[in-house]
Amino acid sequence: MDYIVRFSALVIMTFLLLFFATDKWVKYNTWLMAGYMLAAGAIFLW
């Protein structure tokens, strides 16, 4: 069950990253995209 929660969270974070990556405002804030990637990795490895 724990792995299902992790996988679901990772998928949600991935969709959020792809969604915000299409926003012109976020394209100029690469640190925010990096933060989403780090958060997704932290959730997956947690």
N, C-alpha and C. Protein backbone atom coordinates (compact mmCIF):
# COMPACT_ATOMS: atom_id res chain seq x y z
N MET A 1 0.83 -1.20 0.00
CA MET A 1 0.00 0.00 0.00
C MET A 1 0.87 1.25 0.00
N ASP A 2 1.97 1.18 0.73
CA ASP A 2 2.84 2.34 0.80
C ASP A 2 3.42 2.67 -0.57
N TYR A 3 3.76 1.62 -1.33
CA TYR A 3 4.33 1.85 -2.65
C TYR A 3 3.30 2.46 -3.60
N ILE A 4 2.04 2.09 -3.42
CA ILE A 4 0.98 2.66 -4.26
C ILE A 4 0.85 4.16 -3.99
N VAL A 5 0.93 4.53 -2.72
CA VAL A 5 0.84 5.95 -2.37
C VAL A 5 2.02 6.70 -2.95
N ARG A 6 3.21 6.14 -2.85
CA ARG A 6 4.41 6.79 -3.40
C ARG A 6 4.28 6.96 -4.90
N PHE A 7 3.85 5.89 -5.59
CA PHE A 7 3.73 5.95 -7.04
C PHE A 7 2.69 6.99 -7.46
N SER A 8 1.58 7.03 -6.74
CA SER A 8 0.52 8.00 -7.05
C SER A 8 1.04 9.42 -6.87
N ALA A 9 1.76 9.65 -5.78
CA ALA A 9 2.31 10.98 -5.52
C ALA A 9 3.31 11.36 -6.60
N LEU A 10 4.13 10.40 -7.04
CA LEU A 10 5.11 10.67 -8.08
C LEU A 10 4.41 11.03 -9.39
N VAL A 11 3.34 10.31 -9.72
CA VAL A 11 2.59 10.61 -10.94
C VAL A 11 1.97 12.00 -10.87
N ILE A 12 1.41 12.33 -9.71
CA ILE A 12 0.79 13.66 -9.53
C ILE A 12 1.84 14.75 -9.68
N MET A 13 3.00 14.57 -9.06
CA MET A 13 4.06 15.56 -9.16
C MET A 13 4.54 15.71 -10.59
N THR A 14 4.60 14.57 -11.33
CA THR A 14 5.03 14.62 -12.72
C THR A 14 4.04 15.42 -13.56
N PHE A 15 2.75 15.19 -13.34
CA PHE A 15 1.73 15.93 -14.09
C PHE A 15 1.79 17.42 -13.75
N LEU A 16 2.03 17.72 -12.46
CA LEU A 16 2.15 19.13 -12.06
C LEU A 16 3.35 19.77 -12.73
N LEU A 17 4.46 19.05 -12.79
CA LEU A 17 5.67 19.57 -13.42
C LEU A 17 5.43 19.84 -14.89
N LEU A 18 4.79 18.89 -15.58
CA LEU A 18 4.50 19.06 -17.00
C LEU A 18 3.51 20.21 -17.22
N PHE A 19 2.55 20.34 -16.30
CA PHE A 19 1.55 21.40 -16.43
C PHE A 19 2.18 22.78 -16.26
N PHE A 20 2.99 22.94 -15.22
CA PHE A 20 3.61 24.24 -14.97
C PHE A 20 4.73 24.54 -15.96
N ALA A 21 5.30 23.50 -16.57
CA ALA A 21 6.38 23.70 -17.53
C ALA A 21 5.84 24.39 -18.79
N THR A 22 4.54 24.24 -19.04
CA THR A 22 3.95 24.87 -20.22
C THR A 22 3.63 26.34 -19.96
N ASP A 23 3.71 26.75 -18.70
CA ASP A 23 3.42 28.14 -18.36
C ASP A 23 4.66 28.99 -18.63
N LYS A 24 4.48 30.10 -19.34
CA LYS A 24 5.62 30.96 -19.67
C LYS A 24 6.28 31.53 -18.42
N TRP A 25 5.45 31.78 -17.37
CA TRP A 25 6.00 32.37 -16.16
C TRP A 25 6.97 31.43 -15.48
N VAL A 26 6.65 30.12 -15.50
CA VAL A 26 7.50 29.15 -14.81
C VAL A 26 8.75 28.85 -15.63
N LYS A 27 8.68 29.06 -16.95
CA LYS A 27 9.85 28.79 -17.79
C LYS A 27 11.03 29.67 -17.38
N TYR A 28 10.73 30.84 -16.82
CA TYR A 28 11.79 31.73 -16.39
C TYR A 28 12.19 31.48 -14.94
N ASN A 29 11.56 30.50 -14.32
CA ASN A 29 11.91 30.15 -12.94
C ASN A 29 12.30 28.67 -12.89
N THR A 30 13.48 28.38 -13.42
CA THR A 30 13.93 26.99 -13.49
C THR A 30 14.12 26.41 -12.10
N TRP A 31 14.38 27.26 -11.11
CA TRP A 31 14.56 26.75 -9.74
C TRP A 31 13.27 26.16 -9.22
N LEU A 32 12.13 26.70 -9.68
CA LEU A 32 10.84 26.15 -9.24
C LEU A 32 10.62 24.77 -9.84
N MET A 33 10.99 24.61 -11.11
CA MET A 33 10.87 23.30 -11.76
C MET A 33 11.81 22.31 -11.08
N ALA A 34 13.01 22.77 -10.73
CA ALA A 34 13.97 21.90 -10.05
C ALA A 34 13.41 21.49 -8.69
N GLY A 35 12.70 22.40 -8.05
CA GLY A 35 12.10 22.09 -6.76
C GLY A 35 11.05 21.00 -6.88
N TYR A 36 10.26 21.07 -7.96
CA TYR A 36 9.25 20.04 -8.17
C TYR A 36 9.91 18.70 -8.43
N MET A 37 11.01 18.70 -9.19
CA MET A 37 11.72 17.46 -9.48
C MET A 37 12.31 16.87 -8.20
N LEU A 38 12.89 17.73 -7.35
CA LEU A 38 13.46 17.26 -6.09
C LEU A 38 12.38 16.73 -5.16
N ALA A 39 11.22 17.41 -5.16
CA ALA A 39 10.12 16.96 -4.31
C ALA A 39 9.62 15.60 -4.77
N ALA A 40 9.50 15.43 -6.09
CA ALA A 40 9.03 14.14 -6.62
C ALA A 40 10.04 13.04 -6.28
N GLY A 41 11.33 13.34 -6.42
CA GLY A 41 12.36 12.36 -6.09
C GLY A 41 12.36 12.03 -4.61
N ALA A 42 12.15 13.05 -3.77
CA ALA A 42 12.14 12.83 -2.32
C ALA A 42 10.95 11.96 -1.93
N ILE A 43 9.80 12.20 -2.55
CA ILE A 43 8.61 11.40 -2.23
C ILE A 43 8.82 9.96 -2.68
N PHE A 44 9.45 9.80 -3.85
CA PHE A 44 9.65 8.45 -4.38
C PHE A 44 10.66 7.66 -3.55
N LEU A 45 11.69 8.35 -3.05
CA LEU A 45 12.73 7.66 -2.28
C LEU A 45 12.43 7.63 -0.78
N TRP A 46 11.41 8.37 -0.34
CA TRP A 46 11.11 8.46 1.08
C TRP A 46 10.57 7.15 1.62
